[in-house]
Amino acid sequence: MNDAEGTLAIRTHPSPAGHLVLHLAGELDHYTGPGLRQMIEEVLRDPGAGIIADLSDLHYCDSTGITVIITAYHRAQTVGSSFAVAGLSEAMNQLFRVAGIDQVFPLHSSVQAAVEALNSN
């Protein structure tokens, strides 16, 4: 990895309601997006797997990262699973809204808010 490439740490844990929380920290971009894409594909192989992407520690996201998030949402819909985005910083929230992602699916203020929304569906 050279100095221009970012890093992305992904921690996973179950939510109290059973959804898998993917906590992303760092940068989601051309270099790190494929790893997240692969992880999401693996999780969605289990029927009914619900995913919450906790982006509270995401500091940078480029168009590749946005594409990975949108693709994950559509892939989850295709296989009958749920996918939610939660915990965006003010800067990331603005980026996602400018990109129109809030028109594709809701952006939740926290993992708990995402859990509540997914459980109400």
C-alpha atoms as a PDB file:
ATOM      1  CA  MET A   1       0.000   0.000   0.000  1.00  0.00           C
ATOM      2  CA  ASN A   2       1.413   3.429  -0.863  1.00  0.00           C
ATOM      3  CA  ASP A   3       0.835   6.692   0.981  1.00  0.00           C
ATOM      4  CA  ALA A   4      -2.063   7.629  -1.317  1.00  0.00           C
ATOM      5  CA  GLU A   5      -4.072   4.555  -0.341  1.00  0.00           C
ATOM      6  CA  GLY A   6      -6.374   4.700   2.653  1.00  0.00           C
ATOM      7  CA  THR A   7      -7.264   2.110   5.189  1.00  0.00           C
ATOM      8  CA  LEU A   8     -10.602   0.778   6.284  1.00  0.00           C
ATOM      9  CA  ALA A   9     -11.132  -1.201   9.460  1.00  0.00           C
ATOM     10  CA  ILE A  10     -14.303  -3.283   9.634  1.00  0.00           C
ATOM     11  CA  ARG A  11     -15.501  -4.699  12.938  1.00  0.00           C
ATOM     12  CA  THR A  12     -18.581  -6.874  13.108  1.00  0.00           C
ATOM     13  CA  HIS A  13     -20.956  -7.594  15.956  1.00  0.00           C
ATOM     14  CA  PRO A  14     -24.595  -8.593  16.255  1.00  0.00           C
ATOM     15  CA  SER A  15     -27.177  -6.009  17.259  1.00  0.00           C
ATOM     16  CA  PRO A  16     -29.516  -6.960  20.122  1.00  0.00           C
ATOM     17  CA  ALA A  17     -32.176  -7.666  17.463  1.00  0.00           C
ATOM     18  CA  GLY A  18     -29.881 -10.031  15.556  1.00  0.00           C
ATOM     19  CA  HIS A  19     -28.816  -7.811  12.660  1.00  0.00           C
ATOM     20  CA  LEU A  20     -25.128  -7.860  11.796  1.00  0.00           C
ATOM     21  CA  VAL A  21     -23.521  -4.488  12.455  1.00  0.00           C
ATOM     22  CA  LEU A  22     -20.550  -3.618  10.256  1.00  0.00           C
ATOM     23  CA  HIS A  23     -18.665  -0.814  11.983  1.00  0.00           C
ATOM     24  CA  LEU A  24     -16.501   0.967   9.400  1.00  0.00           C
ATOM     25  CA  ALA A  25     -13.613   3.181  10.441  1.00  0.00           C
ATOM     26  CA  GLY A  26     -11.308   5.059   8.095  1.00  0.00           C
ATOM     27  CA  GLU A  27     -11.696   5.535   4.374  1.00  0.00           C
ATOM     28  CA  LEU A  28     -14.103   3.848   1.960  1.00  0.00           C
ATOM     29  CA  ASP A  29     -12.678   4.353  -1.505  1.00  0.00           C
ATOM     30  CA  HIS A  30     -11.272   2.733  -4.633  1.00  0.00           C
ATOM     31  CA  TYR A  31      -8.691   0.818  -2.588  1.00  0.00           C
ATOM     32  CA  THR A  32     -10.863  -0.344   0.300  1.00  0.00           C
ATOM     33  CA  GLY A  33     -14.274  -0.733  -1.378  1.00  0.00           C
ATOM     34  CA  PRO A  34     -13.639  -4.204  -2.845  1.00  0.00           C
ATOM     35  CA  GLY A  35     -12.971  -5.662   0.612  1.00  0.00           C
ATOM     36  CA  LEU A  36     -16.246  -4.309   1.965  1.00  0.00           C
ATOM     37  CA  ARG A  37     -18.093  -5.475  -1.154  1.00  0.00           C
ATOM     38  CA  GLN A  38     -16.763  -9.008  -0.666  1.00  0.00           C
ATOM     39  CA  MET A  39     -17.652  -9.044   3.028  1.00  0.00           C
ATOM     40  CA  ILE A  40     -21.216  -7.926   2.303  1.00  0.00           C
ATOM     41  CA  GLU A  41     -21.616 -10.580  -0.408  1.00  0.00           C
ATOM     42  CA  GLU A  42     -20.491 -13.256   2.060  1.00  0.00           C
ATOM     43  CA  VAL A  43     -22.912 -12.050   4.752  1.00  0.00           C
ATOM     44  CA  LEU A  44     -25.822 -11.947   2.314  1.00  0.00           C
ATOM     45  CA  ARG A  45     -25.341 -15.609   1.417  1.00  0.00           C
ATOM     46  CA  ASP A  46     -27.264 -16.406   4.618  1.00  0.00           C
ATOM     47  CA  PRO A  47     -30.990 -16.030   3.893  1.00  0.00           C
ATOM     48  CA  GLY A  48     -32.595 -13.206   5.835  1.00  0.00           C
ATOM     49  CA  ALA A  49     -29.304 -11.737   7.045  1.00  0.00           C
ATOM     50  CA  GLY A  50     -29.848  -8.115   7.996  1.00  0.00           C
ATOM     51  CA  ILE A  51     -26.931  -5.685   7.824  1.00  0.00           C
ATOM     52  CA  ILE A  52     -26.488  -2.314   9.477  1.00  0.00           C
ATOM     53  CA  ALA A  53     -23.520  -0.326   8.198  1.00  0.00           C
ATOM     54  CA  ASP A  54     -22.355   1.825  11.107  1.00  0.00           C
ATOM     55  CA  LEU A  55     -20.455   4.652   9.435  1.00  0.00           C
ATOM     56  CA  SER A  56     -19.901   6.735  12.575  1.00  0.00           C
ATOM     57  CA  ASP A  57     -16.115   6.461  12.208  1.00  0.00           C
ATOM     58  CA  LEU A  58     -15.970   6.764   8.425  1.00  0.00           C
ATOM     59  CA  HIS A  59     -13.831   9.802   7.629  1.00  0.00           C
ATOM     60  CA  TYR A  60     -13.754   9.662   3.836  1.00  0.00           C
ATOM     61  CA  CYS A  61     -15.931   8.159   1.130  1.00  0.00           C
ATOM     62  CA  ASP A  62     -15.500   8.556  -2.618  1.00  0.00           C
ATOM     63  CA  SER A  63     -17.759   7.539  -5.497  1.00  0.00           C
ATOM     64  CA  THR A  64     -16.533   3.938  -5.298  1.00  0.00           C
ATOM     65  CA  GLY A  65     -17.547   3.798  -1.638  1.00  0.00           C
ATOM     66  CA  ILE A  66     -20.954   5.266  -2.393  1.00  0.00           C
ATOM     67  CA  THR A  67     -21.403   2.684  -5.151  1.00  0.00           C
ATOM     68  CA  VAL A  68     -20.519  -0.132  -2.731  1.00  0.00           C
ATOM     69  CA  ILE A  69     -23.145   1.127  -0.242  1.00  0.00           C
ATOM     70  CA  ILE A  70     -25.870   1.475  -2.888  1.00  0.00           C
ATOM     71  CA  THR A  71     -25.018  -1.915  -4.401  1.00  0.00           C
ATOM     72  CA  ALA A  72     -25.161  -3.521  -0.944  1.00  0.00           C
ATOM     73  CA  TYR A  73     -28.638  -2.092  -0.389  1.00  0.00           C
ATOM     74  CA  HIS A  74     -29.889  -3.363  -3.751  1.00  0.00           C
ATOM     75  CA  ARG A  75     -28.235  -6.758  -3.275  1.00  0.00           C
ATOM     76  CA  ALA A  76     -29.873  -7.133   0.152  1.00  0.00           C
ATOM     77  CA  GLN A  77     -33.250  -6.261  -1.379  1.00  0.00           C
ATOM     78  CA  THR A  78     -32.711  -8.858  -4.109  1.00  0.00           C
ATOM     79  CA  VAL A  79     -32.031 -11.684  -1.654  1.00  0.00           C
ATOM     80  CA  GLY A  80     -34.812 -10.685   0.770  1.00  0.00           C
ATOM     81  CA  SER A  81     -32.559  -9.191   3.422  1.00  0.00           C
ATOM     82  CA  SER A  82     -32.388  -5.776   4.989  1.00  0.00           C
ATOM     83  CA  PHE A  83     -29.627  -3.190   4.770  1.00  0.00           C
ATOM     84  CA  ALA A  84     -29.397   0.082   6.662  1.00  0.00           C
ATOM     85  CA  VAL A  85     -26.880   2.892   7.019  1.00  0.00           C
ATOM     86  CA  ALA A  86     -26.421   4.525  10.402  1.00  0.00           C
ATOM     87  CA  GLY A  87     -24.307   6.967  12.351  1.00  0.00           C
ATOM     88  CA  LEU A  88     -23.075   9.277   9.624  1.00  0.00           C
ATOM     89  CA  SER A  89     -20.982  12.232  10.718  1.00  0.00           C
ATOM     90  CA  GLU A  90     -22.266  15.643   9.681  1.00  0.00           C
ATOM     91  CA  ALA A  91     -19.844  15.731   6.736  1.00  0.00           C
ATOM     92  CA  MET A  92     -20.702  12.190   5.576  1.00  0.00           C
ATOM     93  CA  ASN A  93     -24.420  12.874   6.031  1.00  0.00           C
ATOM     94  CA  GLN A  94     -24.109  15.930   3.795  1.00  0.00           C
ATOM     95  CA  LEU A  95     -22.152  13.940   1.182  1.00  0.00           C
ATOM     96  CA  PHE A  96     -24.742  11.139   1.141  1.00  0.00           C
ATOM     97  CA  ARG A  97     -27.611  13.626   0.842  1.00  0.00           C
ATOM     98  CA  VAL A  98     -25.921  15.587  -1.971  1.00  0.00           C
ATOM     99  CA  ALA A  99     -25.346  12.271  -3.767  1.00  0.00           C
ATOM    100  CA  GLY A 100     -29.075  11.516  -3.344  1.00  0.00           C
ATOM    101  CA  ILE A 101     -28.616   8.368  -1.308  1.00  0.00           C
ATOM    102  CA  ASP A 102     -31.321   9.509   1.121  1.00  0.00           C
ATOM    103  CA  GLN A 103     -33.694   9.231  -1.865  1.00  0.00           C
ATOM    104  CA  VAL A 104     -32.730   5.560  -2.320  1.00  0.00           C
ATOM    105  CA  PHE A 105     -32.988   4.465   1.327  1.00  0.00           C
ATOM    106  CA  PRO A 106     -33.193   6.155   4.737  1.00  0.00           C
ATOM    107  CA  LEU A 107     -30.109   7.290   6.618  1.00  0.00           C
ATOM    108  CA  HIS A 108     -30.381   6.609  10.355  1.00  0.00           C
ATOM    109  CA  SER A 109     -28.831   8.747  13.060  1.00  0.00           C
ATOM    110  CA  SER A 110     -27.592   5.754  15.060  1.00  0.00           C
ATOM    111  CA  VAL A 111     -27.378   1.977  15.036  1.00  0.00           C
ATOM    112  CA  GLN A 112     -30.245   1.894  17.551  1.00  0.00           C
ATOM    113  CA  ALA A 113     -32.432   4.010  15.239  1.00  0.00           C
ATOM    114  CA  ALA A 114     -31.610   1.650  12.353  1.00  0.00           C
ATOM    115  CA  VAL A 115     -32.470  -1.400  14.472  1.00  0.00           C
ATOM    116  CA  GLU A 116     -35.800   0.137  15.440  1.00  0.00           C
ATOM    117  CA  ALA A 117     -36.601   1.005  11.815  1.00  0.00           C
ATOM    118  CA  LEU A 118     -35.669  -2.473  10.551  1.00  0.00           C
ATOM    119  CA  ASN A 119     -37.702  -4.147  13.296  1.00  0.00           C
ATOM    120  CA  SER A 120     -40.782  -2.078  12.463  1.00  0.00           C
ATOM    121  CA  ASN A 121     -40.803  -3.365   8.867  1.00  0.00           C
END
